[in-house]
PDB file of all heavy atoms in Angstrom:
ATOM      1  N   LEU A   1      72.273  68.701 108.747  1.00  0.00           N
ATOM      2  CA  LEU A   1      73.672  68.321 108.516  1.00  0.00           C
ATOM      3  C   LEU A   1      74.146  67.176 109.401  1.00  0.00           C
ATOM      4  O   LEU A   1      75.346  66.955 109.548  1.00  0.00           O
ATOM      5  CB  LEU A   1      74.622  69.524 108.663  1.00  0.00           C
ATOM      6  CG  LEU A   1      74.305  70.736 107.762  1.00  0.00           C
ATOM      7  CD1 LEU A   1      75.404  71.785 107.894  1.00  0.00           C
ATOM      8  CD2 LEU A   1      74.120  70.339 106.307  1.00  0.00           C
ATOM      9  N   ARG A   2      73.205  66.420 109.964  1.00  0.00           N
ATOM     10  CA  ARG A   2      73.576  65.209 110.705  1.00  0.00           C
ATOM     11  C   ARG A   2      73.856  64.074 109.728  1.00  0.00           C
ATOM     12  O   ARG A   2      73.120  63.891 108.762  1.00  0.00           O
ATOM     13  CB  ARG A   2      72.454  64.791 111.653  1.00  0.00           C
ATOM     14  CG  ARG A   2      72.288  65.672 112.861  1.00  0.00           C
ATOM     15  CD  ARG A   2      71.088  65.239 113.707  1.00  0.00           C
ATOM     16  NE  ARG A   2      71.059  65.935 114.985  1.00  0.00           N
ATOM     17  CZ  ARG A   2      70.537  67.150 115.163  1.00  0.00           C
ATOM     18  NH1 ARG A   2      70.001  67.782 114.124  1.00  0.00           N
ATOM     19  NH2 ARG A   2      70.556  67.724 116.352  1.00  0.00           N
ATOM     20  N   THR A   3      74.891  63.297 110.012  1.00  0.00           N
ATOM     21  CA  THR A   3      75.210  62.127 109.205  1.00  0.00           C
ATOM     22  C   THR A   3      74.442  60.917 109.732  1.00  0.00           C
ATOM     23  O   THR A   3      73.640  61.024 110.661  1.00  0.00           O
ATOM     24  CB  THR A   3      76.721  61.823 109.246  1.00  0.00           C
ATOM     25  OG1 THR A   3      77.047  61.264 110.521  1.00  0.00           O
ATOM     26  CG2 THR A   3      77.554  63.077 108.987  1.00  0.00           C
ATOM     27  N   SER A   4      74.745  59.747 109.170  1.00  0.00           N
ATOM     28  CA  SER A   4      74.078  58.516 109.599  1.00  0.00           C
ATOM     29  C   SER A   4      74.598  57.997 110.939  1.00  0.00           C
ATOM     30  O   SER A   4      74.008  57.084 111.520  1.00  0.00           O
ATOM     31  CB  SER A   4      74.263  57.427 108.536  1.00  0.00           C
ATOM     32  OG  SER A   4      75.642  57.169 108.302  1.00  0.00           O
ATOM     33  N   ALA A   5      75.694  58.560 111.434  1.00  0.00           N
ATOM     34  CA  ALA A   5      76.263  58.124 112.719  1.00  0.00           C
ATOM     35  C   ALA A   5      75.827  59.070 113.832  1.00  0.00           C
ATOM     36  O   ALA A   5      75.780  60.293 113.631  1.00  0.00           O
ATOM     37  CB  ALA A   5      77.781  58.070 112.649  1.00  0.00           C
ATOM     38  N   PRO A   6      75.526  58.549 115.000  1.00  0.00           N
ATOM     39  CA  PRO A   6      75.117  59.416 116.107  1.00  0.00           C
ATOM     40  C   PRO A   6      76.191  60.447 116.447  1.00  0.00           C
ATOM     41  O   PRO A   6      77.380  60.124 116.510  1.00  0.00           O
ATOM     42  CB  PRO A   6      74.926  58.433 117.272  1.00  0.00           C
ATOM     43  CG  PRO A   6      74.694  57.104 116.632  1.00  0.00           C
ATOM     44  CD  PRO A   6      75.515  57.121 115.373  1.00  0.00           C
ATOM     45  N   ASP A   7      75.761  61.697 116.599  1.00  0.00           N
ATOM     46  CA  ASP A   7      76.625  62.784 117.067  1.00  0.00           C
ATOM     47  C   ASP A   7      77.714  63.174 116.077  1.00  0.00           C
ATOM     48  O   ASP A   7      78.684  63.847 116.441  1.00  0.00           O
ATOM     49  CB  ASP A   7      77.264  62.426 118.418  1.00  0.00           C
ATOM     50  CG  ASP A   7      76.224  62.179 119.490  1.00  0.00           C
ATOM     51  OD1 ASP A   7      75.248  62.947 119.552  1.00  0.00           O
ATOM     52  OD2 ASP A   7      76.374  61.192 120.243  1.00  0.00           O
ATOM     53  N   VAL A   8      77.574  62.756 114.815  1.00  0.00           N
ATOM     54  CA  VAL A   8      78.544  63.122 113.780  1.00  0.00           C
ATOM     55  C   VAL A   8      77.836  63.968 112.723  1.00  0.00           C
ATOM     56  O   VAL A   8      76.783  63.575 112.207  1.00  0.00           O
ATOM     57  CB  VAL A   8      79.177  61.881 113.124  1.00  0.00           C
ATOM     58  CG1 VAL A   8      80.185  62.303 112.047  1.00  0.00           C
ATOM     59  CG2 VAL A   8      79.865  61.010 114.176  1.00  0.00           C
ATOM     60  N   PHE A   9      78.423  65.116 112.394  1.00  0.00           N
ATOM     61  CA  PHE A   9      77.868  66.053 111.428  1.00  0.00           C
ATOM     62  C   PHE A   9      78.887  66.266 110.305  1.00  0.00           C
ATOM     63  O   PHE A   9      80.075  65.977 110.462  1.00  0.00           O
ATOM     64  CB  PHE A   9      77.562  67.397 112.101  1.00  0.00           C
ATOM     65  CG  PHE A   9      76.524  67.304 113.192  1.00  0.00           C
ATOM     66  CD1 PHE A   9      76.852  66.770 114.442  1.00  0.00           C
ATOM     67  CD2 PHE A   9      75.233  67.747 112.986  1.00  0.00           C
ATOM     68  CE1 PHE A   9      75.902  66.680 115.450  1.00  0.00           C
ATOM     69  CE2 PHE A   9      74.276  67.658 113.988  1.00  0.00           C
ATOM     70  CZ  PHE A   9      74.611  67.125 115.223  1.00  0.00           C
ATOM     71  N   ALA A  10      78.420  66.783 109.180  1.00  0.00           N
ATOM     72  CA  ALA A  10      79.317  67.117 108.066  1.00  0.00           C
ATOM     73  C   ALA A  10      78.863  68.423 107.445  1.00  0.00           C
ATOM     74  O   ALA A  10      77.660  68.700 107.359  1.00  0.00           O
ATOM     75  CB  ALA A  10      79.330  66.004 107.023  1.00  0.00           C
ATOM     76  N   ALA A  11      79.836  69.229 107.012  1.00  0.00           N
ATOM     77  CA  ALA A  11      79.526  70.527 106.423  1.00  0.00           C
ATOM     78  C   ALA A  11      80.524  70.849 105.324  1.00  0.00           C
ATOM     79  O   ALA A  11      81.630  70.301 105.277  1.00  0.00           O
ATOM     80  CB  ALA A  11      79.554  71.616 107.500  1.00  0.00           C
ATOM     81  N   GLY A  12      80.123  71.765 104.439  1.00  0.00           N
ATOM     82  CA  GLY A  12      81.006  72.212 103.377  1.00  0.00           C
ATOM     83  C   GLY A  12      80.992  71.295 102.175  1.00  0.00           C
ATOM     84  O   GLY A  12      79.972  70.670 101.850  1.00  0.00           O
ATOM     85  N   ASP A  13      82.126  71.191 101.499  1.00  0.00           N
ATOM     86  CA  ASP A  13      82.222  70.473 100.223  1.00  0.00           C
ATOM     87  C   ASP A  13      81.742  69.034 100.298  1.00  0.00           C
ATOM     88  O   ASP A  13      81.216  68.499  99.322  1.00  0.00           O
ATOM     89  CB  ASP A  13      83.679  70.455  99.738  1.00  0.00           C
ATOM     90  CG  ASP A  13      84.167  71.806  99.279  1.00  0.00           C
ATOM     91  OD1 ASP A  13      83.441  72.804  99.471  1.00  0.00           O
ATOM     92  OD2 ASP A  13      85.285  71.882  98.737  1.00  0.00           O
ATOM     93  N   ILE A  14      81.946  68.377 101.421  1.00  0.00           N
ATOM     94  CA  ILE A  14      81.653  66.942 101.491  1.00  0.00           C
ATOM     95  C   ILE A  14      80.191  66.648 101.792  1.00  0.00           C
ATOM     96  O   ILE A  14      79.743  65.504 101.637  1.00  0.00           O
ATOM     97  CB  ILE A  14      82.523  66.226 102.541  1.00  0.00           C
ATOM     98  CG1 ILE A  14      82.178  66.690 103.968  1.00  0.00           C
ATOM     99  CG2 ILE A  14      84.005  66.409 102.238  1.00  0.00           C
ATOM    100  CD1 ILE A  14      82.819  65.838 105.047  1.00  0.00           C
ATOM    101  N   ALA A  15      79.407  67.637 102.207  1.00  0.00           N
ATOM    102  CA  ALA A  15      78.053  67.391 102.691  1.00  0.00           C
ATOM    103  C   ALA A  15      77.060  67.284 101.538  1.00  0.00           C
ATOM    104  O   ALA A  15      76.822  68.256 100.817  1.00  0.00           O
ATOM    105  CB  ALA A  15      77.624  68.496 103.645  1.00  0.00           C
ATOM    106  N   ALA A  16      76.476  66.105 101.362  1.00  0.00           N
ATOM    107  CA  ALA A  16      75.373  65.907 100.411  1.00  0.00           C
ATOM    108  C   ALA A  16      74.088  66.100 101.206  1.00  0.00           C
ATOM    109  O   ALA A  16      73.594  65.191 101.868  1.00  0.00           O
ATOM    110  CB  ALA A  16      75.440  64.524  99.779  1.00  0.00           C
ATOM    111  N   HIS A  17      73.554  67.290 101.123  1.00  0.00           N
ATOM    112  CA  HIS A  17      72.560  67.814 102.050  1.00  0.00           C
ATOM    113  C   HIS A  17      71.143  67.557 101.545  1.00  0.00           C
ATOM    114  O   HIS A  17      70.815  67.875 100.395  1.00  0.00           O
ATOM    115  CB  HIS A  17      72.823  69.322 102.195  1.00  0.00           C
ATOM    116  CG  HIS A  17      71.802  70.081 102.966  1.00  0.00           C
ATOM    117  ND1 HIS A  17      71.378  71.329 102.591  1.00  0.00           N
ATOM    118  CD2 HIS A  17      71.116  69.777 104.093  1.00  0.00           C
ATOM    119  CE1 HIS A  17      70.485  71.761 103.449  1.00  0.00           C
ATOM    120  NE2 HIS A  17      70.310  70.839 104.376  1.00  0.00           N
ATOM    121  N   ASP A  18      70.316  67.000 102.393  1.00  0.00           N
ATOM    122  CA  ASP A  18      68.896  66.815 102.088  1.00  0.00           C
ATOM    123  C   ASP A  18      68.211  68.168 102.248  1.00  0.00           C
ATOM    124  O   ASP A  18      67.626  68.474 103.287  1.00  0.00           O
ATOM    125  CB  ASP A  18      68.300  65.770 103.036  1.00  0.00           C
ATOM    126  CG  ASP A  18      66.875  65.402 102.662  1.00  0.00           C
ATOM    127  OD1 ASP A  18      66.406  65.832 101.589  1.00  0.00           O
ATOM    128  OD2 ASP A  18      66.218  64.695 103.445  1.00  0.00           O
ATOM    129  N   HIS A  19      68.305  68.975 101.199  1.00  0.00           N
ATOM    130  CA  HIS A  19      67.903  70.388 101.256  1.00  0.00           C
ATOM    131  C   HIS A  19      66.385  70.512 101.159  1.00  0.00           C
ATOM    132  O   HIS A  19      65.783  70.015 100.209  1.00  0.00           O
ATOM    133  CB  HIS A  19      68.565  71.147 100.102  1.00  0.00           C
ATOM    134  CG  HIS A  19      68.649  72.624 100.302  1.00  0.00           C
ATOM    135  ND1 HIS A  19      67.540  73.419 100.468  1.00  0.00           N
ATOM    136  CD2 HIS A  19      69.723  73.460 100.357  1.00  0.00           C
ATOM    137  CE1 HIS A  19      67.912  74.676 100.619  1.00  0.00           C
ATOM    138  NE2 HIS A  19      69.231  74.725 100.564  1.00  0.00           N
ATOM    139  N   PRO A  20      65.742  71.195 102.103  1.00  0.00           N
ATOM    140  CA  PRO A  20      64.282  71.308 102.075  1.00  0.00           C
ATOM    141  C   PRO A  20      63.747  72.017 100.839  1.00  0.00           C
ATOM    142  O   PRO A  20      62.581  71.836 100.477  1.00  0.00           O
ATOM    143  CB  PRO A  20      63.965  72.125 103.344  1.00  0.00           C
ATOM    144  CG  PRO A  20      65.146  71.952 104.222  1.00  0.00           C
ATOM    145  CD  PRO A  20      66.320  71.807 103.310  1.00  0.00           C
ATOM    146  N   ARG A  21      64.583  72.820 100.173  1.00  0.00           N
ATOM    147  CA  ARG A  21      64.100  73.632  99.060  1.00  0.00           C
ATOM    148  C   ARG A  21      64.227  72.933  97.702  1.00  0.00           C
ATOM    149  O   ARG A  21      63.647  73.379  96.717  1.00  0.00           O
ATOM    150  CB  ARG A  21      64.882  74.955  99.037  1.00  0.00           C
ATOM    151  CG  ARG A  21      64.328  75.990  98.078  1.00  0.00           C
ATOM    152  CD  ARG A  21      64.995  77.323  98.310  1.00  0.00           C
ATOM    153  NE  ARG A  21      64.502  77.919  99.552  1.00  0.00           N
ATOM    154  CZ  ARG A  21      65.242  78.651 100.368  1.00  0.00           C
ATOM    155  NH1 ARG A  21      66.515  78.858 100.108  1.00  0.00           N
ATOM    156  NH2 ARG A  21      64.721  79.168 101.462  1.00  0.00           N
ATOM    157  N   TYR A  22      64.968  71.843  97.648  1.00  0.00           N
ATOM    158  CA  TYR A  22      65.244  71.210  96.366  1.00  0.00           C
ATOM    159  C   TYR A  22      64.860  69.738  96.385  1.00  0.00           C
ATOM    160  O   TYR A  22      64.710  69.129  97.449  1.00  0.00           O
ATOM    161  CB  TYR A  22      66.726  71.362  96.005  1.00  0.00           C
ATOM    162  CG  TYR A  22      67.147  72.804  95.877  1.00  0.00           C
ATOM    163  CD1 TYR A  22      67.864  73.431  96.906  1.00  0.00           C
ATOM    164  CD2 TYR A  22      66.798  73.552  94.767  1.00  0.00           C
ATOM    165  CE1 TYR A  22      68.223  74.754  96.807  1.00  0.00           C
ATOM    166  CE2 TYR A  22      67.161  74.885  94.660  1.00  0.00           C
ATOM    167  CZ  TYR A  22      67.869  75.481  95.685  1.00  0.00           C
ATOM    168  OH  TYR A  22      68.215  76.808  95.587  1.00  0.00           O
ATOM    169  N   ASP A  23      64.710  69.192  95.189  1.00  0.00           N
ATOM    170  CA  ASP A  23      64.427  67.770  95.060  1.00  0.00           C
ATOM    171  C   ASP A  23      65.735  66.998  95.171  1.00  0.00           C
ATOM    172  O   ASP A  23      66.646  67.178  94.368  1.00  0.00           O
ATOM    173  CB  ASP A  23      63.770  67.476  93.704  1.00  0.00           C
ATOM    174  CG  ASP A  23      62.469  68.232  93.529  1.00  0.00           C
ATOM    175  OD1 ASP A  23      61.764  68.418  94.538  1.00  0.00           O
ATOM    176  OD2 ASP A  23      62.163  68.650  92.389  1.00  0.00           O
ATOM    177  N   GLY A  24      65.828  66.118  96.158  1.00  0.00           N
ATOM    178  CA  GLY A  24      67.040  65.329  96.320  1.00  0.00           C
ATOM    179  C   GLY A  24      68.106  66.090  97.081  1.00  0.00           C
ATOM    180  O   GLY A  24      67.896  67.176  97.631  1.00  0.00           O
ATOM    181  N   ARG A  25      69.290  65.509  97.094  1.00  0.00           N
ATOM    182  CA  ARG A  25      70.396  66.078  97.853  1.00  0.00           C
ATOM    183  C   ARG A  25      71.151  67.131  97.051  1.00  0.00           C
ATOM    184  O   ARG A  25      71.180  67.087  95.825  1.00  0.00           O
ATOM    185  CB  ARG A  25      71.363  64.965  98.282  1.00  0.00           C
ATOM    186  CG  ARG A  25      70.725  63.955  99.233  1.00  0.00           C
ATOM    187  CD  ARG A  25      71.754  62.943  99.727  1.00  0.00           C
ATOM    188  NE  ARG A  25      71.120  61.977 100.608  1.00  0.00           N
ATOM    189  CZ  ARG A  25      70.882  62.180 101.899  1.00  0.00           C
ATOM    190  NH1 ARG A  25      71.262  63.324 102.458  1.00  0.00           N
ATOM    191  NH2 ARG A  25      70.288  61.256 102.631  1.00  0.00           N
ATOM    192  N   VAL A  26      71.758  68.040  97.767  1.00  0.00           N
ATOM    193  CA  VAL A  26      72.529  69.126  97.164  1.00  0.00           C
ATOM    194  C   VAL A  26      73.923  69.111  97.778  1.00  0.00           C
ATOM    195  O   VAL A  26      74.075  69.102  99.007  1.00  0.00           O
ATOM    196  CB  VAL A  26      71.859  70.491  97.418  1.00  0.00           C
ATOM    197  CG1 VAL A  26      72.748  71.623  96.907  1.00  0.00           C
ATOM    198  CG2 VAL A  26      70.491  70.552  96.760  1.00  0.00           C
ATOM    199  N   ARG A  27      74.941  69.084  96.931  1.00  0.00           N
ATOM    200  CA  ARG A  27      76.323  69.194  97.397  1.00  0.00           C
ATOM    201  C   ARG A  27      76.974  70.335  96.647  1.00  0.00           C
ATOM    202  O   ARG A  27      77.012  70.340  95.420  1.00  0.00           O
ATOM    203  CB  ARG A  27      77.095  67.886  97.181  1.00  0.00           C
ATOM    204  CG  ARG A  27      78.446  67.881  97.917  1.00  0.00           C
ATOM    205  CD  ARG A  27      79.162  66.552  97.743  1.00  0.00           C
ATOM    206  NE  ARG A  27      79.612  66.351  96.389  1.00  0.00           N
ATOM    207  CZ  ARG A  27      80.725  66.888  95.878  1.00  0.00           C
ATOM    208  NH1 ARG A  27      81.503  67.667  96.620  1.00  0.00           N
ATOM    209  NH2 ARG A  27      81.059  66.641  94.631  1.00  0.00           N
ATOM    210  N   VAL A  28      77.469  71.319  97.362  1.00  0.00           N
ATOM    211  CA  VAL A  28      77.966  72.557  96.760  1.00  0.00           C
ATOM    212  C   VAL A  28      79.410  72.786  97.175  1.00  0.00           C
ATOM    213  O   VAL A  28      79.731  72.738  98.368  1.00  0.00           O
ATOM    214  CB  VAL A  28      77.100  73.764  97.179  1.00  0.00           C
ATOM    215  CG1 VAL A  28      77.644  75.049  96.567  1.00  0.00           C
ATOM    216  CG2 VAL A  28      75.648  73.548  96.768  1.00  0.00           C
ATOM    217  N   GLU A  29      80.274  73.076  96.205  1.00  0.00           N
ATOM    218  CA  GLU A  29      81.695  73.309  96.476  1.00  0.00           C
ATOM    219  C   GLU A  29      82.028  74.792  96.290  1.00  0.00           C
ATOM    220  O   GLU A  29      82.853  75.146  95.456  1.00  0.00           O
ATOM    221  CB  GLU A  29      82.561  72.456  95.547  1.00  0.00           C
ATOM    222  CG  GLU A  29      82.412  70.958  95.772  1.00  0.00           C
ATOM    223  CD  GLU A  29      83.247  70.142  94.798  1.00  0.00           C
ATOM    224  OE1 GLU A  29      83.909  70.739  93.924  1.00  0.00           O
ATOM    225  OE2 GLU A  29      83.224  68.904  94.901  1.00  0.00           O
ATOM    226  N   HIS A  30      81.395  75.636  97.056  1.00  0.00           N
ATOM    227  CA  HIS A  30      81.650  77.067  96.932  1.00  0.00           C
ATOM    228  C   HIS A  30      81.863  77.693  98.300  1.00  0.00           C
ATOM    229  O   HIS A  30      81.388  77.198  99.319  1.00  0.00           O
ATOM    230  CB  HIS A  30      80.490  77.769  96.208  1.00  0.00           C
ATOM    231  CG  HIS A  30      80.415  77.441  94.748  1.00  0.00           C
ATOM    232  ND1 HIS A  30      81.411  77.774  93.856  1.00  0.00           N
ATOM    233  CD2 HIS A  30      79.463  76.782  94.031  1.00  0.00           C
ATOM    234  CE1 HIS A  30      81.074  77.346  92.647  1.00  0.00           C
ATOM    235  NE2 HIS A  30      79.907  76.743  92.739  1.00  0.00           N
ATOM    236  N   TRP A  31      82.543  78.838  98.259  1.00  0.00           N
ATOM    237  CA  TRP A  31      82.927  79.578  99.453  1.00  0.00           C
ATOM    238  C   TRP A  31      81.740  79.869 100.364  1.00  0.00           C
ATOM    239  O   TRP A  31      81.792  79.623 101.574  1.00  0.00           O
ATOM    240  CB  TRP A  31      83.598  80.875  98.995  1.00  0.00           C
ATOM    241  CG  TRP A  31      83.616  81.986  99.972  1.00  0.00           C
ATOM    242  CD1 TRP A  31      84.526  82.186 100.975  1.00  0.00           C
ATOM    243  CD2 TRP A  31      82.688  83.074 100.071  1.00  0.00           C
ATOM    244  NE1 TRP A  31      84.225  83.334 101.675  1.00  0.00           N
ATOM    245  CE2 TRP A  31      83.106  83.898 101.141  1.00  0.00           C
ATOM    246  CE3 TRP A  31      81.552  83.440  99.349  1.00  0.00           C
ATOM    247  CZ2 TRP A  31      82.420  85.054 101.506  1.00  0.00           C
ATOM    248  CZ3 TRP A  31      80.868  84.588  99.711  1.00  0.00           C
ATOM    249  CH2 TRP A  31      81.302  85.373 100.777  1.00  0.00           C
ATOM    250  N   ALA A  32      80.651  80.396  99.806  1.00  0.00           N
ATOM    251  CA  ALA A  32      79.524  80.800 100.638  1.00  0.00           C
ATOM    252  C   ALA A  32      78.898  79.601 101.342  1.00  0.00           C
ATOM    253  O   ALA A  32      78.487  79.702 102.505  1.00  0.00           O
ATOM    254  CB  ALA A  32      78.474  81.527  99.798  1.00  0.00           C
ATOM    255  N   ASN A  33      78.825  78.474 100.652  1.00  0.00           N
ATOM    256  CA  ASN A  33      78.239  77.288 101.263  1.00  0.00           C
ATOM    257  C   ASN A  33      79.066  76.820 102.460  1.00  0.00           C
ATOM    258  O   ASN A  33      78.520  76.471 103.511  1.00  0.00           O
ATOM    259  CB  ASN A  33      78.145  76.165 100.230  1.00  0.00           C
ATOM    260  CG  ASN A  33      77.420  74.953 100.769  1.00  0.00           C
ATOM    261  OD1 ASN A  33      76.229  74.993 101.033  1.00  0.00           O
ATOM    262  ND2 ASN A  33      78.154  73.858 100.930  1.00  0.00           N
ATOM    263  N   ALA A  34      80.388  76.818 102.310  1.00  0.00           N
ATOM    264  CA  ALA A  34      81.250  76.418 103.425  1.00  0.00           C
ATOM    265  C   ALA A  34      81.082  77.369 104.608  1.00  0.00           C
ATOM    266  O   ALA A  34      80.947  76.941 105.764  1.00  0.00           O
ATOM    267  CB  ALA A  34      82.701  76.377 102.976  1.00  0.00           C
ATOM    268  N   LYS A  35      81.068  78.654 104.332  1.00  0.00           N
ATOM    269  CA  LYS A  35      80.938  79.638 105.409  1.00  0.00           C
ATOM    270  C   LYS A  35      79.578  79.534 106.091  1.00  0.00           C
ATOM    271  O   LYS A  35      79.486  79.497 107.325  1.00  0.00           O
ATOM    272  CB  LYS A  35      81.143  81.046 104.843  1.00  0.00           C
ATOM    273  CG  LYS A  35      81.066  82.142 105.890  1.00  0.00           C
ATOM    274  CD  LYS A  35      81.382  83.498 105.277  1.00  0.00           C
ATOM    275  CE  LYS A  35      81.370  84.585 106.337  1.00  0.00           C
ATOM    276  NZ  LYS A  35      81.722  85.920 105.766  1.00  0.00           N
ATOM    277  N   GLU A  36      78.514  79.498 105.296  1.00  0.00           N
ATOM    278  CA  GLU A  36      77.169  79.493 105.870  1.00  0.00           C
ATOM    279  C   GLU A  36      76.876  78.185 106.608  1.00  0.00           C
ATOM    280  O   GLU A  36      76.295  78.195 107.693  1.00  0.00           O
ATOM    281  CB  GLU A  36      76.137  79.731 104.769  1.00  0.00           C
ATOM    282  CG  GLU A  36      76.252  81.075 104.074  1.00  0.00           C
ATOM    283  CD  GLU A  36      75.805  82.233 104.947  1.00  0.00           C
ATOM    284  OE1 GLU A  36      75.356  81.993 106.080  1.00  0.00           O
ATOM    285  OE2 GLU A  36      75.915  83.386 104.502  1.00  0.00           O
ATOM    286  N   GLN A  37      77.250  77.051 106.016  1.00  0.00           N
ATOM    287  CA  GLN A  37      77.014  75.785 106.701  1.00  0.00           C
ATOM    288  C   GLN A  37      77.861  75.675 107.963  1.00  0.00           C
ATOM    289  O   GLN A  37      77.401  75.147 108.986  1.00  0.00           O
ATOM    290  CB  GLN A  37      77.290  74.604 105.770  1.00  0.00           C
ATOM    291  CG  GLN A  37      76.211  74.365 104.739  1.00  0.00           C
ATOM    292  CD  GLN A  37      76.353  73.037 104.034  1.00  0.00           C
ATOM    293  OE1 GLN A  37      77.354  72.337 104.168  1.00  0.00           O
ATOM    294  NE2 GLN A  37      75.340  72.676 103.258  1.00  0.00           N
ATOM    295  N   GLY A  38      79.090  76.166 107.899  1.00  0.00           N
ATOM    296  CA  GLY A  38      79.931  76.124 109.089  1.00  0.00           C
ATOM    297  C   GLY A  38      79.336  76.929 110.228  1.00  0.00           C
ATOM    298  O   GLY A  38      79.298  76.477 111.385  1.00  0.00           O
ATOM    299  N   THR A  39      78.860  78.132 109.920  1.00  0.00           N
ATOM    300  CA  THR A  39      78.237  78.966 110.946  1.00  0.00           C
ATOM    301  C   THR A  39      76.954  78.319 111.460  1.00  0.00           C
ATOM    302  O   THR A  39      76.695  78.268 112.668  1.00  0.00           O
ATOM    303  CB  THR A  39      77.942  80.360 110.372  1.00  0.00           C
ATOM    304  OG1 THR A  39      79.172  80.950 109.927  1.00  0.00           O
ATOM    305  CG2 THR A  39      77.296  81.248 111.409  1.00  0.00           C
ATOM    306  N   TYR A  40      76.154  77.807 110.530  1.00  0.00           N
ATOM    307  CA  TYR A  40      74.873  77.201 110.894  1.00  0.00           C
ATOM    308  C   TYR A  40      75.034  75.975 111.787  1.00  0.00           C
ATOM    309  O   TYR A  40      74.291  75.793 112.762  1.00  0.00           O
ATOM    310  CB  TYR A  40      74.115  76.808 109.620  1.00  0.00           C
ATOM    311  CG  TYR A  40      73.087  75.731 109.854  1.00  0.00           C
ATOM    312  CD1 TYR A  40      71.804  76.043 110.305  1.00  0.00           C
ATOM    313  CD2 TYR A  40      73.411  74.387 109.665  1.00  0.00           C
ATOM    314  CE1 TYR A  40      70.870  75.041 110.555  1.00  0.00           C
ATOM    315  CE2 TYR A  40      72.483  73.386 109.908  1.00  0.00           C
ATOM    316  CZ  TYR A  40      71.216  73.717 110.355  1.00  0.00           C
ATOM    317  OH  TYR A  40      70.306  72.730 110.609  1.00  0.00           O
TER     318      TYR A  40
END
């Protein structure tokens, strides 16, 4: 969840995540994703 800028991260709806399990980036606008990414 690191962005292209040093020391800046993004989580939740706005994060286009380079997900290890999927091909390409994943951006999810759901409750569980916000909660889990925020905790992580």
